[in-house]
Amino acid sequence: QGVMEGCSGTIFAYGQTGSGESFTMQGVVDPSSQKGTIPRAFEHIFERIQCAEGAKLLLRASCLEIYNEDIPDFLGAGTKQKLE
């Protein structure tokens, strides 16, 4: 709800490699009960955007991974480029 009112939002998954963070965040398409957190959040946000009349909205998303002191943004223009 706060994101739709202009606040920033973060979905954060943390765990040991292989413990299921990617599945929790992404899930699978079928069955829909196995959708991850990100598809569910996007679905909710875009449903709310469709209902917003006369509002100016900006949606910006990043997908960061912190691994071996490197931080790439998988949704950025240069996915090989590391963030400072």
C-alpha atoms as a PDB file:
ATOM      1  CA  GLN A   1       0.000   0.000   0.000  1.00  0.00           C
ATOM      2  CA  GLY A   2       2.821   2.390   0.873  1.00  0.00           C
ATOM      3  CA  VAL A   3       4.437   1.939  -2.538  1.00  0.00           C
ATOM      4  CA  MET A   4       1.229   3.086  -4.200  1.00  0.00           C
ATOM      5  CA  GLU A   5       1.267   6.190  -1.962  1.00  0.00           C
ATOM      6  CA  GLY A   6       4.760   7.209  -3.081  1.00  0.00           C
ATOM      7  CA  CYS A   7       7.015   5.397  -0.612  1.00  0.00           C
ATOM      8  CA  SER A   8       9.918   3.277  -1.756  1.00  0.00           C
ATOM      9  CA  GLY A   9       9.614  -0.457  -1.242  1.00  0.00           C
ATOM     10  CA  THR A  10      12.105  -3.277  -0.969  1.00  0.00           C
ATOM     11  CA  ILE A  11      11.728  -7.022  -1.275  1.00  0.00           C
ATOM     12  CA  PHE A  12      14.754  -8.661   0.290  1.00  0.00           C
ATOM     13  CA  ALA A  13      15.806 -12.314   0.245  1.00  0.00           C
ATOM     14  CA  TYR A  14      18.834 -13.471   2.164  1.00  0.00           C
ATOM     15  CA  GLY A  15      20.275 -16.910   2.651  1.00  0.00           C
ATOM     16  CA  GLN A  16      23.039 -19.371   2.031  1.00  0.00           C
ATOM     17  CA  THR A  17      23.623 -20.298  -1.619  1.00  0.00           C
ATOM     18  CA  GLY A  18      21.151 -22.976  -2.649  1.00  0.00           C
ATOM     19  CA  SER A  19      18.675 -22.363   0.178  1.00  0.00           C
ATOM     20  CA  GLY A  20      15.825 -21.185  -2.077  1.00  0.00           C
ATOM     21  CA  GLU A  21      16.037 -17.388  -2.294  1.00  0.00           C
ATOM     22  CA  SER A  22      15.640 -17.379  -6.092  1.00  0.00           C
ATOM     23  CA  PHE A  23      12.623 -19.648  -5.947  1.00  0.00           C
ATOM     24  CA  THR A  24      11.053 -17.508  -3.214  1.00  0.00           C
ATOM     25  CA  MET A  25      11.583 -14.369  -5.297  1.00  0.00           C
ATOM     26  CA  GLN A  26      10.712 -15.770  -8.762  1.00  0.00           C
ATOM     27  CA  GLY A  27       8.793 -19.018  -8.285  1.00  0.00           C
ATOM     28  CA  VAL A  28       7.281 -20.778 -11.298  1.00  0.00           C
ATOM     29  CA  VAL A  29       4.441 -19.799 -13.632  1.00  0.00           C
ATOM     30  CA  ASP A  30       2.440 -23.011 -13.396  1.00  0.00           C
ATOM     31  CA  PRO A  31       0.816 -23.770 -11.034  1.00  0.00           C
ATOM     32  CA  SER A  32       0.012 -20.162 -10.140  1.00  0.00           C
ATOM     33  CA  SER A  33       0.112 -21.073  -6.448  1.00  0.00           C
ATOM     34  CA  GLN A  34       3.902 -21.389  -6.917  1.00  0.00           C
ATOM     35  CA  LYS A  35       4.393 -17.797  -8.166  1.00  0.00           C
ATOM     36  CA  GLY A  36       7.157 -15.985  -6.352  1.00  0.00           C
ATOM     37  CA  THR A  37       7.119 -12.769  -4.368  1.00  0.00           C
ATOM     38  CA  ILE A  38       8.191 -10.535  -7.265  1.00  0.00           C
ATOM     39  CA  PRO A  39       5.520 -11.660  -9.790  1.00  0.00           C
ATOM     40  CA  ARG A  40       2.862 -11.336  -7.072  1.00  0.00           C
ATOM     41  CA  ALA A  41       4.040  -7.850  -6.104  1.00  0.00           C
ATOM     42  CA  PHE A  42       4.186  -6.682  -9.738  1.00  0.00           C
ATOM     43  CA  GLU A  43       0.734  -8.112 -10.407  1.00  0.00           C
ATOM     44  CA  HIS A  44      -0.661  -6.177  -7.442  1.00  0.00           C
ATOM     45  CA  ILE A  45       1.098  -2.937  -8.407  1.00  0.00           C
ATOM     46  CA  PHE A  46      -0.047  -3.081 -12.043  1.00  0.00           C
ATOM     47  CA  GLU A  47      -3.631  -3.837 -10.994  1.00  0.00           C
ATOM     48  CA  ARG A  48      -3.539  -0.731  -8.810  1.00  0.00           C
ATOM     49  CA  ILE A  49      -2.009   1.354 -11.627  1.00  0.00           C
ATOM     50  CA  GLN A  50      -4.889   0.392 -13.939  1.00  0.00           C
ATOM     51  CA  CYS A  51      -7.342   1.725 -11.349  1.00  0.00           C
ATOM     52  CA  ALA A  52      -5.469   4.998 -10.755  1.00  0.00           C
ATOM     53  CA  GLU A  53      -7.280   7.742 -12.629  1.00  0.00           C
ATOM     54  CA  GLY A  54      -5.623  11.094 -13.213  1.00  0.00           C
ATOM     55  CA  ALA A  55      -2.440  10.116 -11.400  1.00  0.00           C
ATOM     56  CA  LYS A  56       1.129  10.350 -12.635  1.00  0.00           C
ATOM     57  CA  LEU A  57       3.039   7.251 -11.671  1.00  0.00           C
ATOM     58  CA  LEU A  58       6.660   6.213 -12.075  1.00  0.00           C
ATOM     59  CA  LEU A  59       7.641   2.617 -11.464  1.00  0.00           C
ATOM     60  CA  ARG A  60      11.323   1.804 -11.249  1.00  0.00           C
ATOM     61  CA  ALA A  61      12.702  -1.641 -10.417  1.00  0.00           C
ATOM     62  CA  SER A  62      16.147  -3.028  -9.737  1.00  0.00           C
ATOM     63  CA  CYS A  63      17.248  -6.583  -9.143  1.00  0.00           C
ATOM     64  CA  LEU A  64      20.518  -6.579  -7.223  1.00  0.00           C
ATOM     65  CA  GLU A  65      22.723  -9.444  -6.161  1.00  0.00           C
ATOM     66  CA  ILE A  66      25.440  -9.018  -3.573  1.00  0.00           C
ATOM     67  CA  TYR A  67      28.005 -11.764  -4.115  1.00  0.00           C
ATOM     68  CA  ASN A  68      31.786 -11.782  -3.591  1.00  0.00           C
ATOM     69  CA  GLU A  69      31.735  -8.025  -2.972  1.00  0.00           C
ATOM     70  CA  ASP A  70      30.232  -7.374  -6.439  1.00  0.00           C
ATOM     71  CA  ILE A  71      26.785  -5.818  -6.869  1.00  0.00           C
ATOM     72  CA  PRO A  72      25.347  -6.162 -10.388  1.00  0.00           C
ATOM     73  CA  ASP A  73      21.861  -4.856 -11.264  1.00  0.00           C
ATOM     74  CA  PHE A  74      20.265  -7.589 -13.393  1.00  0.00           C
ATOM     75  CA  LEU A  75      17.631  -5.188 -14.763  1.00  0.00           C
ATOM     76  CA  GLY A  76      20.073  -2.380 -15.575  1.00  0.00           C
ATOM     77  CA  ALA A  77      21.372  -1.422 -19.004  1.00  0.00           C
ATOM     78  CA  GLY A  78      24.767  -3.066 -18.475  1.00  0.00           C
ATOM     79  CA  THR A  79      24.179  -6.197 -16.441  1.00  0.00           C
ATOM     80  CA  LYS A  80      27.917  -6.983 -16.461  1.00  0.00           C
ATOM     81  CA  GLN A  81      28.716  -3.570 -14.978  1.00  0.00           C
ATOM     82  CA  LYS A  82      29.236  -3.643 -11.215  1.00  0.00           C
ATOM     83  CA  LEU A  83      27.690  -0.960  -9.014  1.00  0.00           C
ATOM     84  CA  GLU A  84      29.881   1.126  -6.703  1.00  0.00           C
END
